Protein backbone atom coordinates (compact mmCIF):
# COMPACT_ATOMS: atom_id res chain seq x y z
CA UNK A 1 0.00 0.00 0.00
CA UNK A 2 1.02 3.60 -0.56
CA UNK A 3 2.36 5.95 2.04
CA UNK A 4 -0.25 8.12 3.74
CA UNK A 5 0.47 11.82 3.39
CA UNK A 6 -0.47 14.34 6.10
CA UNK A 7 -3.14 16.91 5.23
CA UNK A 8 -1.83 19.63 2.93
CA UNK A 9 -2.57 22.32 5.53
CA UNK A 10 -0.17 20.51 7.89
CA UNK A 11 2.45 20.35 5.16
CA UNK A 12 2.18 24.12 4.70
CA UNK A 13 2.71 24.65 8.42
CA UNK A 14 5.64 22.20 8.40
CA UNK A 15 7.29 24.16 5.59
CA UNK A 16 6.61 27.45 7.37
CA UNK A 17 8.43 26.11 10.45
CA UNK A 18 11.23 24.75 8.28
CA UNK A 19 11.77 28.22 6.84
CA UNK A 20 11.57 29.94 10.24
CA UNK A 21 15.35 30.53 10.45
CA UNK A 22 15.14 32.58 7.25
CA UNK A 23 12.18 34.52 8.64
CA UNK A 24 14.10 35.32 11.81
CA UNK A 25 17.01 36.58 9.70
CA UNK A 26 14.74 38.98 7.82
CA UNK A 27 14.11 42.53 8.94
CA UNK A 28 11.13 43.11 11.21
CA UNK A 29 9.37 44.85 8.31
CA UNK A 30 9.85 41.83 6.01
CA UNK A 31 8.73 39.17 8.50
CA UNK A 32 4.96 39.81 8.16
CA UNK A 33 5.33 39.77 4.36
CA UNK A 34 7.10 36.41 4.63
CA UNK A 35 4.15 35.10 6.69
CA UNK A 36 1.69 36.34 4.08
CA UNK A 37 3.45 34.22 1.45
CA UNK A 38 2.47 31.07 3.31
CA UNK A 39 -1.01 32.52 3.88
CA UNK A 40 -1.33 32.70 0.08
CA UNK A 41 -0.59 28.99 -0.14
CA UNK A 42 -3.41 28.26 2.33
CA UNK A 43 -5.87 29.79 -0.14
CA UNK A 44 -5.27 26.79 -2.41
CA UNK A 45 -5.37 23.89 0.04
CA UNK A 46 -7.96 22.00 -2.03
CA UNK A 47 -5.75 22.11 -5.13
CA UNK A 48 -2.72 21.12 -3.06
CA UNK A 49 -4.54 18.06 -1.79
CA UNK A 50 -5.08 16.91 -5.36
CA UNK A 51 -1.38 17.07 -6.26
CA UNK A 52 0.77 14.25 -4.95
CA UNK A 53 4.24 15.78 -5.13
CA UNK A 54 7.35 14.31 -3.54
CA UNK A 55 8.27 17.80 -2.30
CA UNK A 56 5.24 19.67 -0.95
CA UNK A 57 7.16 22.93 -1.12
CA UNK A 58 6.82 22.89 -4.93
CA UNK A 59 3.04 22.98 -4.61
CA UNK A 60 3.23 25.68 -1.92
CA UNK A 61 5.41 27.89 -4.13
CA UNK A 62 3.08 27.39 -7.09
CA UNK A 63 0.09 28.41 -4.96
CA UNK A 64 1.96 31.53 -3.81
CA UNK A 65 2.90 32.40 -7.39
CA UNK A 66 -0.71 31.92 -8.49
CA UNK A 67 -1.94 34.35 -5.83
CA UNK A 68 0.69 36.91 -6.77
CA UNK A 69 -0.16 36.60 -10.46
CA UNK A 70 -3.84 37.15 -9.66
CA UNK A 71 -3.01 40.24 -7.59
CA UNK A 72 -0.76 41.65 -10.32
CA UNK A 73 -3.48 41.15 -12.94
CA UNK A 74 -6.04 42.80 -10.67
CA UNK A 75 -3.74 45.79 -10.09
CA UNK A 76 -2.99 46.06 -13.80
CA UNK A 77 -6.73 46.17 -14.59
CA UNK A 78 -7.19 48.90 -11.97
CA UNK A 79 -4.31 50.91 -13.43
CA UNK A 80 -5.61 50.53 -16.97
CA UNK A 81 -8.97 51.93 -15.86
CA UNK A 82 -7.38 54.92 -14.13
CA UNK A 83 -4.40 55.79 -16.32
CA UNK A 84 -4.64 55.99 -20.09
CA UNK A 85 -1.99 54.02 -21.92
CA UNK A 86 0.75 55.90 -23.85
CA UNK A 87 -0.84 54.60 -27.06
CA UNK A 88 -4.07 56.39 -26.18
CA UNK A 89 -2.14 59.62 -25.52
CA UNK A 90 -0.72 59.42 -29.04
CA UNK A 91 -4.17 58.84 -30.57
CA UNK A 92 -5.70 61.59 -28.43
CA UNK A 93 -3.15 64.15 -29.66
CA UNK A 94 -3.94 63.32 -33.30
CA UNK A 95 -7.71 63.48 -32.87
CA UNK A 96 -8.20 66.50 -30.61
CA UNK A 97 -7.91 69.93 -32.20
CA UNK A 98 -5.45 72.24 -30.50
CA UNK A 99 -6.83 75.33 -28.88
CA UNK A 100 -4.34 78.14 -28.87
CA UNK A 101 -6.53 80.79 -27.32
CA UNK A 102 -7.69 84.14 -28.79
CA UNK A 103 -5.75 85.53 -31.71
CA UNK A 104 -4.05 82.27 -32.70
CA UNK A 105 -4.74 80.36 -35.87
PDB file of N, CA and C in Angstrom:
ATOM      1  N   UNK A   1       0.832  -1.185   0.000  1.00  0.00           N
ATOM      2  CA  UNK A   1       0.000   0.000   0.000  1.00  0.00           C
ATOM      3  C   UNK A   1       0.872   1.243   0.000  1.00  0.00           C
ATOM      4  N   UNK A   2       0.290   2.346  -0.480  1.00  0.00           N
ATOM      5  CA  UNK A   2       1.022   3.601  -0.563  1.00  0.00           C
ATOM      6  C   UNK A   2       1.170   4.266   0.794  1.00  0.00           C
ATOM      7  N   UNK A   3       2.095   5.185   0.825  1.00  0.00           N
ATOM      8  CA  UNK A   3       2.359   5.948   2.040  1.00  0.00           C
ATOM      9  C   UNK A   3       1.269   7.000   2.234  1.00  0.00           C
ATOM     10  N   UNK A   4       0.769   7.135   3.446  1.00  0.00           N
ATOM     11  CA  UNK A   4      -0.254   8.122   3.738  1.00  0.00           C
ATOM     12  C   UNK A   4       0.411   9.476   3.964  1.00  0.00           C
ATOM     13  N   UNK A   5      -0.071  10.476   3.245  1.00  0.00           N
ATOM     14  CA  UNK A   5       0.465  11.824   3.393  1.00  0.00           C
ATOM     15  C   UNK A   5      -0.356  12.603   4.413  1.00  0.00           C
ATOM     16  N   UNK A   6       0.294  13.494   5.180  1.00  0.00           N
ATOM     17  CA  UNK A   6      -0.474  14.339   6.100  1.00  0.00           C
ATOM     18  C   UNK A   6      -1.316  15.330   5.305  1.00  0.00           C
ATOM     19  N   UNK A   7      -2.331  15.905   5.929  1.00  0.00           N
ATOM     20  CA  UNK A   7      -3.141  16.911   5.228  1.00  0.00           C
ATOM     21  C   UNK A   7      -2.252  18.042   4.699  1.00  0.00           C
ATOM     22  N   UNK A   8      -2.644  18.590   3.559  1.00  0.00           N
ATOM     23  CA  UNK A   8      -1.834  19.634   2.934  1.00  0.00           C
ATOM     24  C   UNK A   8      -1.672  20.844   3.845  1.00  0.00           C
ATOM     25  N   UNK A   9      -2.687  21.170   4.617  1.00  0.00           N
ATOM     26  CA  UNK A   9      -2.569  22.315   5.535  1.00  0.00           C
ATOM     27  C   UNK A   9      -1.446  22.076   6.547  1.00  0.00           C
ATOM     28  N   UNK A  10      -1.269  20.829   6.974  1.00  0.00           N
ATOM     29  CA  UNK A  10      -0.170  20.512   7.895  1.00  0.00           C
ATOM     30  C   UNK A  10       1.178  20.605   7.186  1.00  0.00           C
ATOM     31  N   UNK A  11       1.210  20.232   5.920  1.00  0.00           N
ATOM     32  CA  UNK A  11       2.447  20.346   5.158  1.00  0.00           C
ATOM     33  C   UNK A  11       2.858  21.815   5.002  1.00  0.00           C
ATOM     34  N   UNK A  12       1.882  22.682   4.803  1.00  0.00           N
ATOM     35  CA  UNK A  12       2.177  24.117   4.702  1.00  0.00           C
ATOM     36  C   UNK A  12       2.797  24.608   6.005  1.00  0.00           C
ATOM     37  N   UNK A  13       2.185  24.218   7.124  1.00  0.00           N
ATOM     38  CA  UNK A  13       2.714  24.646   8.424  1.00  0.00           C
ATOM     39  C   UNK A  13       4.098  24.056   8.687  1.00  0.00           C
ATOM     40  N   UNK A  14       4.324  22.818   8.260  1.00  0.00           N
ATOM     41  CA  UNK A  14       5.635  22.200   8.404  1.00  0.00           C
ATOM     42  C   UNK A  14       6.685  23.015   7.633  1.00  0.00           C
ATOM     43  N   UNK A  15       6.360  23.375   6.399  1.00  0.00           N
ATOM     44  CA  UNK A  15       7.295  24.156   5.590  1.00  0.00           C
ATOM     45  C   UNK A  15       7.517  25.545   6.188  1.00  0.00           C
ATOM     46  N   UNK A  16       6.467  26.131   6.729  1.00  0.00           N
ATOM     47  CA  UNK A  16       6.605  27.446   7.368  1.00  0.00           C
ATOM     48  C   UNK A  16       7.603  27.347   8.521  1.00  0.00           C
ATOM     49  N   UNK A  17       7.489  26.299   9.330  1.00  0.00           N
ATOM     50  CA  UNK A  17       8.429  26.107  10.446  1.00  0.00           C
ATOM     51  C   UNK A  17       9.839  25.833   9.937  1.00  0.00           C
ATOM     52  N   UNK A  18       9.922  25.078   8.848  1.00  0.00           N
ATOM     53  CA  UNK A  18      11.232  24.751   8.279  1.00  0.00           C
ATOM     54  C   UNK A  18      11.957  25.997   7.790  1.00  0.00           C
ATOM     55  N   UNK A  19      11.202  26.974   7.334  1.00  0.00           N
ATOM     56  CA  UNK A  19      11.774  28.218   6.836  1.00  0.00           C
ATOM     57  C   UNK A  19      11.874  29.298   7.917  1.00  0.00           C
ATOM     58  N   UNK A  20      11.536  28.960   9.138  1.00  0.00           N
ATOM     59  CA  UNK A  20      11.571  29.937  10.242  1.00  0.00           C
ATOM     60  C   UNK A  20      12.945  30.585  10.440  1.00  0.00           C
ATOM     61  N   UNK A  21      14.057  29.849  10.294  1.00  0.00           N
ATOM     62  CA  UNK A  21      15.352  30.534  10.446  1.00  0.00           C
ATOM     63  C   UNK A  21      15.533  31.691   9.442  1.00  0.00           C
ATOM     64  N   UNK A  22      15.072  31.495   8.226  1.00  0.00           N
ATOM     65  CA  UNK A  22      15.138  32.585   7.246  1.00  0.00           C
ATOM     66  C   UNK A  22      14.275  33.749   7.716  1.00  0.00           C
ATOM     67  N   UNK A  23      13.072  33.459   8.168  1.00  0.00           N
ATOM     68  CA  UNK A  23      12.180  34.517   8.636  1.00  0.00           C
ATOM     69  C   UNK A  23      12.844  35.321   9.751  1.00  0.00           C
ATOM     70  N   UNK A  24      13.448  34.621  10.701  1.00  0.00           N
ATOM     71  CA  UNK A  24      14.104  35.323  11.814  1.00  0.00           C
ATOM     72  C   UNK A  24      15.259  36.191  11.336  1.00  0.00           C
ATOM     73  N   UNK A  25      15.896  35.807  10.241  1.00  0.00           N
ATOM     74  CA  UNK A  25      17.014  36.584   9.703  1.00  0.00           C
ATOM     75  C   UNK A  25      16.548  37.815   8.924  1.00  0.00           C
ATOM     76  N   UNK A  26      15.281  37.843   8.560  1.00  0.00           N
ATOM     77  CA  UNK A  26      14.744  38.984   7.819  1.00  0.00           C
ATOM     78  C   UNK A  26      14.540  40.177   8.742  1.00  0.00           C
ATOM     79  N   UNK A  27      14.415  41.342   8.146  1.00  0.00           N
ATOM     80  CA  UNK A  27      14.112  42.535   8.944  1.00  0.00           C
ATOM     81  C   UNK A  27      12.708  42.401   9.527  1.00  0.00           C
ATOM     82  N   UNK A  28      12.462  43.141  10.577  1.00  0.00           N
ATOM     83  CA  UNK A  28      11.127  43.109  11.207  1.00  0.00           C
ATOM     84  C   UNK A  28      10.043  43.500  10.204  1.00  0.00           C
ATOM     85  N   UNK A  29      10.358  44.413   9.310  1.00  0.00           N
ATOM     86  CA  UNK A  29       9.371  44.845   8.308  1.00  0.00           C
ATOM     87  C   UNK A  29       9.058  43.737   7.310  1.00  0.00           C
ATOM     88  N   UNK A  30      10.047  42.893   6.998  1.00  0.00           N
ATOM     89  CA  UNK A  30       9.847  41.832   6.014  1.00  0.00           C
ATOM     90  C   UNK A  30       9.193  40.581   6.595  1.00  0.00           C
ATOM     91  N   UNK A  31       9.267  40.388   7.894  1.00  0.00           N
ATOM     92  CA  UNK A  31       8.734  39.166   8.504  1.00  0.00           C
ATOM     93  C   UNK A  31       7.235  38.981   8.279  1.00  0.00           C
ATOM     94  N   UNK A  32       6.398  40.022   8.443  1.00  0.00           N
ATOM     95  CA  UNK A  32       4.964  39.805   8.156  1.00  0.00           C
ATOM     96  C   UNK A  32       4.698  39.501   6.683  1.00  0.00           C
ATOM     97  N   UNK A  33       5.501  40.058   5.790  1.00  0.00           N
ATOM     98  CA  UNK A  33       5.333  39.774   4.365  1.00  0.00           C
ATOM     99  C   UNK A  33       5.670  38.311   4.102  1.00  0.00           C
ATOM    100  N   UNK A  34       6.725  37.822   4.734  1.00  0.00           N
ATOM    101  CA  UNK A  34       7.097  36.413   4.627  1.00  0.00           C
ATOM    102  C   UNK A  34       5.930  35.534   5.076  1.00  0.00           C
ATOM    103  N   UNK A  35       5.308  35.879   6.200  1.00  0.00           N
ATOM    104  CA  UNK A  35       4.154  35.104   6.695  1.00  0.00           C
ATOM    105  C   UNK A  35       3.008  35.119   5.691  1.00  0.00           C
ATOM    106  N   UNK A  36       2.790  36.251   5.048  1.00  0.00           N
ATOM    107  CA  UNK A  36       1.691  36.341   4.081  1.00  0.00           C
ATOM    108  C   UNK A  36       1.921  35.437   2.872  1.00  0.00           C
ATOM    109  N   UNK A  37       3.183  35.155   2.550  1.00  0.00           N
ATOM    110  CA  UNK A  37       3.448  34.219   1.447  1.00  0.00           C
ATOM    111  C   UNK A  37       2.823  32.860   1.744  1.00  0.00           C
ATOM    112  N   UNK A  38       3.035  32.373   2.950  1.00  0.00           N
ATOM    113  CA  UNK A  38       2.470  31.073   3.314  1.00  0.00           C
ATOM    114  C   UNK A  38       0.947  31.162   3.446  1.00  0.00           C
ATOM    115  N   UNK A  39       0.443  32.332   3.834  1.00  0.00           N
ATOM    116  CA  UNK A  39      -1.011  32.516   3.883  1.00  0.00           C
ATOM    117  C   UNK A  39      -1.605  32.377   2.483  1.00  0.00           C
ATOM    118  N   UNK A  40      -0.876  32.851   1.472  1.00  0.00           N
ATOM    119  CA  UNK A  40      -1.334  32.696   0.079  1.00  0.00           C
ATOM    120  C   UNK A  40      -1.485  31.225  -0.275  1.00  0.00           C
ATOM    121  N   UNK A  41      -0.531  30.425   0.164  1.00  0.00           N
ATOM    122  CA  UNK A  41      -0.594  28.987  -0.139  1.00  0.00           C
ATOM    123  C   UNK A  41      -1.835  28.356   0.480  1.00  0.00           C
ATOM    124  N   UNK A  42      -2.232  28.829   1.650  1.00  0.00           N
ATOM    125  CA  UNK A  42      -3.413  28.262   2.328  1.00  0.00           C
ATOM    126  C   UNK A  42      -4.693  28.515   1.543  1.00  0.00           C
ATOM    127  N   UNK A  43      -4.678  29.510   0.665  1.00  0.00           N
ATOM    128  CA  UNK A  43      -5.870  29.793  -0.143  1.00  0.00           C
ATOM    129  C   UNK A  43      -6.125  28.707  -1.181  1.00  0.00           C
ATOM    130  N   UNK A  44      -5.145  27.825  -1.376  1.00  0.00           N
ATOM    131  CA  UNK A  44      -5.266  26.791  -2.406  1.00  0.00           C
ATOM    132  C   UNK A  44      -5.055  25.394  -1.831  1.00  0.00           C
ATOM    133  N   UNK A  45      -5.529  25.193  -0.618  1.00  0.00           N
ATOM    134  CA  UNK A  45      -5.373  23.890   0.039  1.00  0.00           C
ATOM    135  C   UNK A  45      -6.043  22.783  -0.775  1.00  0.00           C
ATOM    136  N   UNK A  46      -7.243  23.043  -1.286  1.00  0.00           N
ATOM    137  CA  UNK A  46      -7.958  21.999  -2.034  1.00  0.00           C
ATOM    138  C   UNK A  46      -7.159  21.550  -3.245  1.00  0.00           C
ATOM    139  N   UNK A  47      -6.562  22.482  -3.958  1.00  0.00           N
ATOM    140  CA  UNK A  47      -5.747  22.112  -5.126  1.00  0.00           C
ATOM    141  C   UNK A  47      -4.500  21.358  -4.678  1.00  0.00           C
ATOM    142  N   UNK A  48      -3.914  21.783  -3.575  1.00  0.00           N
ATOM    143  CA  UNK A  48      -2.719  21.119  -3.058  1.00  0.00           C
ATOM    144  C   UNK A  48      -2.972  19.685  -2.668  1.00  0.00           C
ATOM    145  N   UNK A  49      -4.165  19.417  -2.178  1.00  0.00           N
ATOM    146  CA  UNK A  49      -4.536  18.063  -1.786  1.00  0.00           C
ATOM    147  C   UNK A  49      -4.558  17.153  -3.013  1.00  0.00           C
ATOM    148  N   UNK A  50      -4.933  17.711  -4.154  1.00  0.00           N
ATOM    149  CA  UNK A  50      -5.077  16.907  -5.363  1.00  0.00           C
ATOM    150  C   UNK A  50      -3.736  16.574  -6.024  1.00  0.00           C
ATOM    151  N   UNK A  51      -2.683  17.262  -5.631  1.00  0.00           N
ATOM    152  CA  UNK A  51      -1.378  17.067  -6.263  1.00  0.00           C
ATOM    153  C   UNK A  51      -0.482  16.254  -5.332  1.00  0.00           C
ATOM    154  N   UNK A  52      -0.138  15.085  -5.747  1.00  0.00           N
ATOM    155  CA  UNK A  52       0.766  14.251  -4.954  1.00  0.00           C
ATOM    156  C   UNK A  52       2.182  14.520  -5.438  1.00  0.00           C
ATOM    157  N   UNK A  53       2.874  15.419  -4.759  1.00  0.00           N
ATOM    158  CA  UNK A  53       4.236  15.784  -5.126  1.00  0.00           C
ATOM    159  C   UNK A  53       5.202  15.243  -4.092  1.00  0.00           C
ATOM    160  N   UNK A  54       6.380  14.804  -4.522  1.00  0.00           N
ATOM    161  CA  UNK A  54       7.353  14.312  -3.545  1.00  0.00           C
ATOM    162  C   UNK A  54       7.847  15.419  -2.619  1.00  0.00           C
ATOM    163  N   UNK A  55       7.866  16.664  -3.118  1.00  0.00           N
ATOM    164  CA  UNK A  55       8.269  17.800  -2.299  1.00  0.00           C
ATOM    165  C   UNK A  55       7.098  18.767  -2.217  1.00  0.00           C
ATOM    166  N   UNK A  56       6.403  18.787  -1.088  1.00  0.00           N
ATOM    167  CA  UNK A  56       5.237  19.667  -0.954  1.00  0.00           C
ATOM    168  C   UNK A  56       5.562  21.134  -1.197  1.00  0.00           C
ATOM    169  N   UNK A  57       6.817  21.521  -0.959  1.00  0.00           N
ATOM    170  CA  UNK A  57       7.165  22.929  -1.120  1.00  0.00           C
ATOM    171  C   UNK A  57       6.945  23.409  -2.553  1.00  0.00           C
ATOM    172  N   UNK A  58       7.096  22.521  -3.535  1.00  0.00           N
ATOM    173  CA  UNK A  58       6.819  22.890  -4.928  1.00  0.00           C
ATOM    174  C   UNK A  58       5.378  23.365  -5.083  1.00  0.00           C
ATOM    175  N   UNK A  59       4.463  22.632  -4.513  1.00  0.00           N
ATOM    176  CA  UNK A  59       3.043  22.985  -4.608  1.00  0.00           C
ATOM    177  C   UNK A  59       2.764  24.281  -3.863  1.00  0.00           C
ATOM    178  N   UNK A  60       3.405  24.446  -2.705  1.00  0.00           N
ATOM    179  CA  UNK A  60       3.228  25.679  -1.922  1.00  0.00           C
ATOM    180  C   UNK A  60       3.706  26.884  -2.731  1.00  0.00           C
ATOM    181  N   UNK A  61       4.868  26.772  -3.338  1.00  0.00           N
ATOM    182  CA  UNK A  61       5.407  27.888  -4.125  1.00  0.00           C
ATOM    183  C   UNK A  61       4.501  28.187  -5.315  1.00  0.00           C
ATOM    184  N   UNK A  62       3.989  27.158  -5.966  1.00  0.00           N
ATOM    185  CA  UNK A  62       3.081  27.392  -7.095  1.00  0.00           C
ATOM    186  C   UNK A  62       1.807  28.103  -6.638  1.00  0.00           C
ATOM    187  N   UNK A  63       1.288  27.748  -5.477  1.00  0.00           N
ATOM    188  CA  UNK A  63       0.093  28.414  -4.956  1.00  0.00           C
ATOM    189  C   UNK A  63       0.388  29.881  -4.650  1.00  0.00           C
ATOM    190  N   UNK A  64       1.561  30.150  -4.099  1.00  0.00           N
ATOM    191  CA  UNK A  64       1.958  31.530  -3.806  1.00  0.00           C
ATOM    192  C   UNK A  64       2.083  32.319  -5.110  1.00  0.00           C
ATOM    193  N   UNK A  65       2.751  31.721  -6.106  1.00  0.00           N
ATOM    194  CA  UNK A  65       2.897  32.398  -7.394  1.00  0.00           C
ATOM    195  C   UNK A  65       1.549  32.675  -8.044  1.00  0.00           C
ATOM    196  N   UNK A  66       0.632  31.728  -7.936  1.00  0.00           N
ATOM    197  CA  UNK A  66      -0.710  31.919  -8.487  1.00  0.00           C
ATOM    198  C   UNK A  66      -1.386  33.126  -7.841  1.00  0.00           C
ATOM    199  N   UNK A  67      -1.321  33.210  -6.524  1.00  0.00           N
ATOM    200  CA  UNK A  67      -1.938  34.348  -5.830  1.00  0.00           C
ATOM    201  C   UNK A  67      -1.291  35.664  -6.251  1.00  0.00           C
ATOM    202  N   UNK A  68       0.015  35.680  -6.369  1.00  0.00           N
ATOM    203  CA  UNK A  68       0.689  36.911  -6.774  1.00  0.00           C
ATOM    204  C   UNK A  68       0.332  37.284  -8.204  1.00  0.00           C
ATOM    205  N   UNK A  69       0.240  36.315  -9.086  1.00  0.00           N
ATOM    206  CA  UNK A  69      -0.158  36.600 -10.464  1.00  0.00           C
ATOM    207  C   UNK A  69      -1.570  37.173 -10.509  1.00  0.00           C
ATOM    208  N   UNK A  70      -2.476  36.627  -9.712  1.00  0.00           N
ATOM    209  CA  UNK A  70      -3.842  37.148  -9.664  1.00  0.00           C
ATOM    210  C   UNK A  70      -3.853  38.586  -9.164  1.00  0.00           C
ATOM    211  N   UNK A  71      -3.069  38.873  -8.140  1.00  0.00           N
ATOM    212  CA  UNK A  71      -3.007  40.238  -7.595  1.00  0.00           C
ATOM    213  C   UNK A  71      -2.419  41.208  -8.602  1.00  0.00           C
ATOM    214  N   UNK A  72      -1.370  40.791  -9.314  1.00  0.00           N
ATOM    215  CA  UNK A  72      -0.762  41.651 -10.324  1.00  0.00           C
ATOM    216  C   UNK A  72      -1.767  41.954 -11.429  1.00  0.00           C
ATOM    217  N   UNK A  73      -2.474  40.933 -11.902  1.00  0.00           N
ATOM    218  CA  UNK A  73      -3.479  41.155 -12.944  1.00  0.00           C
ATOM    219  C   UNK A  73      -4.576  42.093 -12.462  1.00  0.00           C
ATOM    220  N   UNK A  74      -5.008  41.924 -11.228  1.00  0.00           N
ATOM    221  CA  UNK A  74      -6.036  42.804 -10.667  1.00  0.00           C
ATOM    222  C   UNK A  74      -5.527  44.250 -10.619  1.00  0.00           C
ATOM    223  N   UNK A  75      -4.307  44.449 -10.155  1.00  0.00           N
ATOM    224  CA  UNK A  75      -3.736  45.791 -10.087  1.00  0.00           C
ATOM    225  C   UNK A  75      -3.555  46.390 -11.475  1.00  0.00           C
ATOM    226  N   UNK A  76      -3.153  45.571 -12.432  1.00  0.00           N
ATOM    227  CA  UNK A  76      -2.993  46.059 -13.801  1.00  0.00           C
ATOM    228  C   UNK A  76      -4.338  46.519 -14.372  1.00  0.00           C
ATOM    229  N   UNK A  77      -5.396  45.758 -14.113  1.00  0.00           N
ATOM    230  CA  UNK A  77      -6.729  46.166 -14.588  1.00  0.00           C
ATOM    231  C   UNK A  77      -7.135  47.487 -13.948  1.00  0.00           C
ATOM    232  N   UNK A  78      -6.854  47.647 -12.651  1.00  0.00           N
ATOM    233  CA  UNK A  78      -7.186  48.903 -11.969  1.00  0.00           C
ATOM    234  C   UNK A  78      -6.404  50.067 -12.572  1.00  0.00           C
ATOM    235  N   UNK A  79      -5.128  49.853 -12.836  1.00  0.00           N
ATOM    236  CA  UNK A  79      -4.309  50.915 -13.428  1.00  0.00           C
ATOM    237  C   UNK A  79      -4.806  51.282 -14.820  1.00  0.00           C
ATOM    238  N   UNK A  80      -5.132  50.272 -15.613  1.00  0.00           N
ATOM    239  CA  UNK A  80      -5.609  50.529 -16.972  1.00  0.00           C
ATOM    240  C   UNK A  80      -6.896  51.344 -16.966  1.00  0.00           C
ATOM    241  N   UNK A  81      -7.728  51.172 -15.951  1.00  0.00           N
ATOM    242  CA  UNK A  81      -8.973  51.930 -15.860  1.00  0.00           C
ATOM    243  C   UNK A  81      -8.711  53.371 -15.435  1.00  0.00           C
ATOM    244  N   UNK A  82      -7.661  53.592 -14.672  1.00  0.00           N
ATOM    245  CA  UNK A  82      -7.382  54.923 -14.131  1.00  0.00           C
ATOM    246  C   UNK A  82      -6.416  55.737 -14.988  1.00  0.00           C
ATOM    247  N   UNK A  83      -5.450  55.083 -15.593  1.00  0.00           N
ATOM    248  CA  UNK A  83      -4.405  55.785 -16.323  1.00  0.00           C
ATOM    249  C   UNK A  83      -4.465  55.372 -17.785  1.00  0.00           C
ATOM    250  N   UNK A  84      -4.641  56.342 -18.670  1.00  0.00           N
ATOM    251  CA  UNK A  84      -4.642  55.992 -20.087  1.00  0.00           C
ATOM    252  C   UNK A  84      -3.260  55.492 -20.511  1.00  0.00           C
ATOM    253  N   UNK A  85      -3.251  54.574 -21.435  1.00  0.00           N
ATOM    254  CA  UNK A  85      -1.989  54.024 -21.920  1.00  0.00           C
ATOM    255  C   UNK A  85      -1.287  55.059 -22.795  1.00  0.00           C
ATOM    256  N   UNK A  86       0.034  54.971 -22.954  1.00  0.00           N
ATOM    257  CA  UNK A  86       0.752  55.896 -23.847  1.00  0.00           C
ATOM    258  C   UNK A  86       0.212  55.863 -25.275  1.00  0.00           C
ATOM    259  N   UNK A  87      -0.258  54.691 -25.718  1.00  0.00           N
ATOM    260  CA  UNK A  87      -0.841  54.604 -27.057  1.00  0.00           C
ATOM    261  C   UNK A  87      -2.067  55.499 -27.169  1.00  0.00           C
ATOM    262  N   UNK A  88      -2.868  55.553 -26.133  1.00  0.00           N
ATOM    263  CA  UNK A  88      -4.067  56.387 -26.184  1.00  0.00           C
ATOM    264  C   UNK A  88      -3.702  57.866 -26.144  1.00  0.00           C
ATOM    265  N   UNK A  89      -2.596  58.218 -25.509  1.00  0.00           N
ATOM    266  CA  UNK A  89      -2.143  59.616 -25.519  1.00  0.00           C
ATOM    267  C   UNK A  89      -1.800  60.023 -26.944  1.00  0.00           C
ATOM    268  N   UNK A  90      -1.125  59.134 -27.658  1.00  0.00           N
ATOM    269  CA  UNK A  90      -0.725  59.416 -29.037  1.00  0.00           C
ATOM    270  C   UNK A  90      -1.962  59.619 -29.914  1.00  0.00           C
ATOM    271  N   UNK A  91      -2.935  58.734 -29.784  1.00  0.00           N
ATOM    272  CA  UNK A  91      -4.168  58.844 -30.574  1.00  0.00           C
ATOM    273  C   UNK A  91      -4.950  60.081 -30.191  1.00  0.00           C
ATOM    274  N   UNK A  92      -4.956  60.425 -28.917  1.00  0.00           N
ATOM    275  CA  UNK A  92      -5.697  61.586 -28.430  1.00  0.00           C
ATOM    276  C   UNK A  92      -5.117  62.867 -29.020  1.00  0.00           C
ATOM    277  N   UNK A  93      -3.794  62.953 -29.115  1.00  0.00           N
ATOM    278  CA  UNK A  93      -3.147  64.146 -29.662  1.00  0.00           C
ATOM    279  C   UNK A  93      -3.504  64.339 -31.127  1.00  0.00           C
ATOM    280  N   UNK A  94      -3.604  63.243 -31.878  1.00  0.00           N
ATOM    281  CA  UNK A  94      -3.937  63.325 -33.301  1.00  0.00           C
ATOM    282  C   UNK A  94      -5.378  63.773 -33.505  1.00  0.00           C
ATOM    283  N   UNK A  95      -6.282  63.268 -32.667  1.00  0.00           N
ATOM    284  CA  UNK A  95      -7.713  63.484 -32.871  1.00  0.00           C
ATOM    285  C   UNK A  95      -8.201  64.810 -32.323  1.00  0.00           C
ATOM    286  N   UNK A  96      -7.652  65.294 -31.221  1.00  0.00           N
ATOM    287  CA  UNK A  96      -8.200  66.495 -30.606  1.00  0.00           C
ATOM    288  C   UNK A  96      -7.577  67.742 -31.228  1.00  0.00           C
ATOM    289  N   UNK A  97      -8.439  68.691 -31.624  1.00  0.00           N
ATOM    290  CA  UNK A  97      -7.913  69.927 -32.197  1.00  0.00           C
ATOM    291  C   UNK A  97      -7.226  70.738 -31.096  1.00  0.00           C
ATOM    292  N   UNK A  98      -6.181  71.425 -31.482  1.00  0.00           N
ATOM    293  CA  UNK A  98      -5.449  72.240 -30.501  1.00  0.00           C
ATOM    294  C   UNK A  98      -6.140  73.580 -30.366  1.00  0.00           C
ATOM    295  N   UNK A  99      -6.240  74.041 -29.162  1.00  0.00           N
ATOM    296  CA  UNK A  99      -6.830  75.332 -28.878  1.00  0.00           C
ATOM    297  C   UNK A  99      -5.702  76.243 -28.418  1.00  0.00           C
ATOM    298  N   UNK A 100      -5.447  77.265 -29.188  1.00  0.00           N
ATOM    299  CA  UNK A 100      -4.341  78.139 -28.873  1.00  0.00           C
ATOM    300  C   UNK A 100      -4.794  79.409 -28.174  1.00  0.00           C
ATOM    301  N   UNK A 101      -6.046  79.594 -27.976  1.00  0.00           N
ATOM    302  CA  UNK A 101      -6.535  80.794 -27.318  1.00  0.00           C
ATOM    303  C   UNK A 101      -6.855  81.886 -28.342  1.00  0.00           C
ATOM    304  N   UNK A 102      -7.296  83.047 -27.871  1.00  0.00           N
ATOM    305  CA  UNK A 102      -7.694  84.138 -28.786  1.00  0.00           C
ATOM    306  C   UNK A 102      -6.505  84.645 -29.590  1.00  0.00           C
ATOM    307  N   UNK A 103      -6.747  84.933 -30.861  1.00  0.00           N
ATOM    308  CA  UNK A 103      -5.748  85.533 -31.714  1.00  0.00           C
ATOM    309  C   UNK A 103      -4.799  84.543 -32.360  1.00  0.00           C
ATOM    310  N   UNK A 104      -4.921  83.264 -32.090  1.00  0.00           N
ATOM    311  CA  UNK A 104      -4.054  82.274 -32.705  1.00  0.00           C
ATOM    312  C   UNK A 104      -4.805  81.497 -33.771  1.00  0.00           C
ATOM    313  N   UNK A 105      -4.111  81.122 -34.798  1.00  0.00           N
ATOM    314  CA  UNK A 105      -4.741  80.360 -35.867  1.00  0.00           C
ATOM    315  C   UNK A 105      -4.842  78.917 -35.566  1.00  0.00           C
TER     316      UNK A 105
END
